[in-house]
Amino acid sequence: VHIYRASLDTNSGWERLHVLKEHGQVVSSVDWAANSGQIVSCSHDSTAYVWTDREDRWEPAAVILRQNKGALVAKWSPCERKFAVGCGSKVACICYFDRWGTTCINCEIALEYCML
């Protein structure tokens, strides 16, 4: 995952600020929470990470999805306290951190029983 910003020099275009490296395969989805500034990303290697900017350095928090197929899409909720990850196994994982902010907890919903 590469993070860019528009360069102040009009001739340069874009300036790369950070490269987030944790996923082992193709990153399939990224969602940036507008208010908290956190990023959630997921990958075909069945992993998801929540990235937090700490003094100009992005720290990853691993999310254990317990899925055998790739994670395809990740999206923050409007309140930015929870996020969902949709997987190739037709399961959606609804994830949130415990009250201490140290452990990510998720529950699974089988998509064949949901109306989207």
C-alpha atoms as a PDB file:
ATOM      1  CA  VAL A   1       0.000   0.000   0.000  1.00  0.00           C
ATOM      2  CA  HIS A   2       1.501   3.319  -1.086  1.00  0.00           C
ATOM      3  CA  ILE A   3       0.430   6.655   0.403  1.00  0.00           C
ATOM      4  CA  TYR A   4       0.926   9.756  -1.751  1.00  0.00           C
ATOM      5  CA  ARG A   5       0.155  13.436  -1.504  1.00  0.00           C
ATOM      6  CA  ALA A   6      -0.091  16.082  -4.165  1.00  0.00           C
ATOM      7  CA  SER A   7       3.274  17.770  -4.497  1.00  0.00           C
ATOM      8  CA  LEU A   8       3.477  21.480  -3.810  1.00  0.00           C
ATOM      9  CA  ASP A   9       5.698  21.744  -6.882  1.00  0.00           C
ATOM     10  CA  THR A  10       3.267  21.757  -9.810  1.00  0.00           C
ATOM     11  CA  ASN A  11       5.782  20.020 -12.084  1.00  0.00           C
ATOM     12  CA  SER A  12       6.226  16.955  -9.832  1.00  0.00           C
ATOM     13  CA  GLY A  13       2.615  15.772  -9.566  1.00  0.00           C
ATOM     14  CA  TRP A  14       2.644  13.333  -6.641  1.00  0.00           C
ATOM     15  CA  GLU A  15       5.040  12.674  -3.765  1.00  0.00           C
ATOM     16  CA  ARG A  16       5.209   9.218  -2.132  1.00  0.00           C
ATOM     17  CA  LEU A  17       5.130   9.512   1.661  1.00  0.00           C
ATOM     18  CA  HIS A  18       4.843   5.953   2.972  1.00  0.00           C
ATOM     19  CA  VAL A  19       4.849   2.319   1.864  1.00  0.00           C
ATOM     20  CA  LEU A  20       2.881  -0.050   4.112  1.00  0.00           C
ATOM     21  CA  LYS A  21       4.312  -3.574   3.881  1.00  0.00           C
ATOM     22  CA  GLU A  22       2.717  -6.450   5.768  1.00  0.00           C
ATOM     23  CA  HIS A  23       0.586  -8.359   3.290  1.00  0.00           C
ATOM     24  CA  GLY A  24       2.060 -11.422   1.609  1.00  0.00           C
ATOM     25  CA  GLN A  25      -0.124 -11.310  -1.525  1.00  0.00           C
ATOM     26  CA  VAL A  26      -2.116  -8.834  -3.587  1.00  0.00           C
ATOM     27  CA  VAL A  27      -3.894  -6.136  -1.563  1.00  0.00           C
ATOM     28  CA  SER A  28      -7.521  -6.293  -2.632  1.00  0.00           C
ATOM     29  CA  SER A  29      -9.059  -3.408  -0.672  1.00  0.00           C
ATOM     30  CA  VAL A  30      -8.121  -0.300   1.301  1.00  0.00           C
ATOM     31  CA  ASP A  31     -10.455   2.017   3.227  1.00  0.00           C
ATOM     32  CA  TRP A  32      -9.349   5.200   4.997  1.00  0.00           C
ATOM     33  CA  ALA A  33     -11.401   6.376   7.993  1.00  0.00           C
ATOM     34  CA  ALA A  34     -11.939  10.103   7.478  1.00  0.00           C
ATOM     35  CA  ASN A  35     -12.172  11.172  11.137  1.00  0.00           C
ATOM     36  CA  SER A  36      -9.716   8.869  12.931  1.00  0.00           C
ATOM     37  CA  GLY A  37      -7.230   8.678  10.054  1.00  0.00           C
ATOM     38  CA  GLN A  38      -6.902   4.903  10.420  1.00  0.00           C
ATOM     39  CA  ILE A  39      -6.599   2.651   7.383  1.00  0.00           C
ATOM     40  CA  VAL A  40      -7.929  -0.885   7.035  1.00  0.00           C
ATOM     41  CA  SER A  41      -6.464  -3.074   4.295  1.00  0.00           C
ATOM     42  CA  CYS A  42      -7.084  -6.684   3.295  1.00  0.00           C
ATOM     43  CA  SER A  43      -5.397  -9.118   0.978  1.00  0.00           C
ATOM     44  CA  HIS A  44      -5.719 -12.346  -0.969  1.00  0.00           C
ATOM     45  CA  ASP A  45      -3.526 -13.963   1.720  1.00  0.00           C
ATOM     46  CA  SER A  46      -6.590 -13.870   4.055  1.00  0.00           C
ATOM     47  CA  THR A  47      -5.162 -11.123   6.265  1.00  0.00           C
ATOM     48  CA  ALA A  48      -6.388  -7.702   7.257  1.00  0.00           C
ATOM     49  CA  TYR A  49      -4.511  -4.899   8.994  1.00  0.00           C
ATOM     50  CA  VAL A  50      -5.580  -1.714  10.727  1.00  0.00           C
ATOM     51  CA  TRP A  51      -2.921   0.973  10.238  1.00  0.00           C
ATOM     52  CA  THR A  52      -2.521   3.858  12.688  1.00  0.00           C
ATOM     53  CA  ASP A  53      -0.346   6.915  12.051  1.00  0.00           C
ATOM     54  CA  ARG A  54       1.957   7.371  15.039  1.00  0.00           C
ATOM     55  CA  GLU A  55       4.224  10.386  14.665  1.00  0.00           C
ATOM     56  CA  ASP A  56       4.702  10.011  10.901  1.00  0.00           C
ATOM     57  CA  ARG A  57       5.114   6.222  11.091  1.00  0.00           C
ATOM     58  CA  TRP A  58       2.299   3.799  10.273  1.00  0.00           C
ATOM     59  CA  GLU A  59       1.885   0.946  12.782  1.00  0.00           C
ATOM     60  CA  PRO A  60      -0.029  -2.174  11.705  1.00  0.00           C
ATOM     61  CA  ALA A  61      -2.388  -4.157  13.931  1.00  0.00           C
ATOM     62  CA  ALA A  62      -3.066  -7.639  12.553  1.00  0.00           C
ATOM     63  CA  VAL A  63      -6.664  -8.827  12.315  1.00  0.00           C
ATOM     64  CA  ILE A  64      -7.141 -12.603  12.601  1.00  0.00           C
ATOM     65  CA  LEU A  65      -9.916 -13.477  10.149  1.00  0.00           C
ATOM     66  CA  ARG A  66      -9.787 -17.315  10.439  1.00  0.00           C
ATOM     67  CA  GLN A  67     -10.660 -17.735   6.744  1.00  0.00           C
ATOM     68  CA  ASN A  68      -9.174 -20.140   4.218  1.00  0.00           C
ATOM     69  CA  LYS A  69      -9.948 -17.954   1.193  1.00  0.00           C
ATOM     70  CA  GLY A  70      -8.765 -14.454   0.373  1.00  0.00           C
ATOM     71  CA  ALA A  71     -10.104 -11.287   1.933  1.00  0.00           C
ATOM     72  CA  LEU A  72     -11.675  -9.286  -0.895  1.00  0.00           C
ATOM     73  CA  VAL A  73     -13.122  -6.061   0.497  1.00  0.00           C
ATOM     74  CA  ALA A  74     -12.792  -3.999   3.689  1.00  0.00           C
ATOM     75  CA  LYS A  75     -14.958  -1.061   4.746  1.00  0.00           C
ATOM     76  CA  TRP A  76     -15.187   1.109   7.881  1.00  0.00           C
ATOM     77  CA  SER A  77     -18.580   1.700   9.484  1.00  0.00           C
ATOM     78  CA  PRO A  78     -19.806   5.334   9.509  1.00  0.00           C
ATOM     79  CA  CYS A  79     -18.885   5.682  13.223  1.00  0.00           C
ATOM     80  CA  GLU A  80     -15.381   4.256  12.493  1.00  0.00           C
ATOM     81  CA  ARG A  81     -15.431   1.950  15.536  1.00  0.00           C
ATOM     82  CA  LYS A  82     -16.094  -1.211  13.502  1.00  0.00           C
ATOM     83  CA  PHE A  83     -15.210  -2.454  10.049  1.00  0.00           C
ATOM     84  CA  ALA A  84     -16.298  -5.328   7.835  1.00  0.00           C
ATOM     85  CA  VAL A  85     -14.142  -7.633   5.726  1.00  0.00           C
ATOM     86  CA  GLY A  86     -15.764  -9.706   2.983  1.00  0.00           C
ATOM     87  CA  CYS A  87     -13.989 -12.965   2.115  1.00  0.00           C
ATOM     88  CA  GLY A  88     -13.979 -15.340  -0.839  1.00  0.00           C
ATOM     89  CA  SER A  89     -15.542 -18.010   1.377  1.00  0.00           C
ATOM     90  CA  LYS A  90     -18.844 -16.056   1.313  1.00  0.00           C
ATOM     91  CA  VAL A  91     -18.345 -14.844   4.876  1.00  0.00           C
ATOM     92  CA  ALA A  92     -18.304 -11.284   6.177  1.00  0.00           C
ATOM     93  CA  CYS A  93     -16.253 -10.617   9.318  1.00  0.00           C
ATOM     94  CA  ILE A  94     -17.469  -7.716  11.456  1.00  0.00           C
ATOM     95  CA  CYS A  95     -14.426  -6.503  13.407  1.00  0.00           C
ATOM     96  CA  TYR A  96     -13.798  -4.126  16.303  1.00  0.00           C
ATOM     97  CA  PHE A  97     -11.114  -3.596  18.944  1.00  0.00           C
ATOM     98  CA  ASP A  98     -11.632  -4.404  22.618  1.00  0.00           C
ATOM     99  CA  ARG A  99     -12.049  -1.513  25.058  1.00  0.00           C
ATOM    100  CA  TRP A 100      -8.267  -1.328  25.593  1.00  0.00           C
ATOM    101  CA  GLY A 101      -7.624  -1.115  21.860  1.00  0.00           C
ATOM    102  CA  THR A 102      -5.207  -4.039  21.887  1.00  0.00           C
ATOM    103  CA  THR A 103      -7.133  -7.033  20.508  1.00  0.00           C
ATOM    104  CA  CYS A 104      -9.295  -7.099  17.424  1.00  0.00           C
ATOM    105  CA  ILE A 105     -12.446  -9.177  17.872  1.00  0.00           C
ATOM    106  CA  ASN A 106     -14.524 -10.383  14.940  1.00  0.00           C
ATOM    107  CA  CYS A 107     -17.731 -12.279  14.370  1.00  0.00           C
ATOM    108  CA  GLU A 108     -18.616 -14.007  11.136  1.00  0.00           C
ATOM    109  CA  ILE A 109     -21.797 -13.751   9.096  1.00  0.00           C
ATOM    110  CA  ALA A 110     -22.473 -16.257   6.308  1.00  0.00           C
ATOM    111  CA  LEU A 111     -23.410 -14.200   3.249  1.00  0.00           C
ATOM    112  CA  GLU A 112     -25.852 -16.738   1.815  1.00  0.00           C
ATOM    113  CA  TYR A 113     -28.203 -15.811   4.662  1.00  0.00           C
ATOM    114  CA  CYS A 114     -27.812 -12.033   4.318  1.00  0.00           C
ATOM    115  CA  MET A 115     -29.636  -9.676   2.039  1.00  0.00           C
ATOM    116  CA  LEU A 116     -27.227  -7.096   0.682  1.00  0.00           C
END
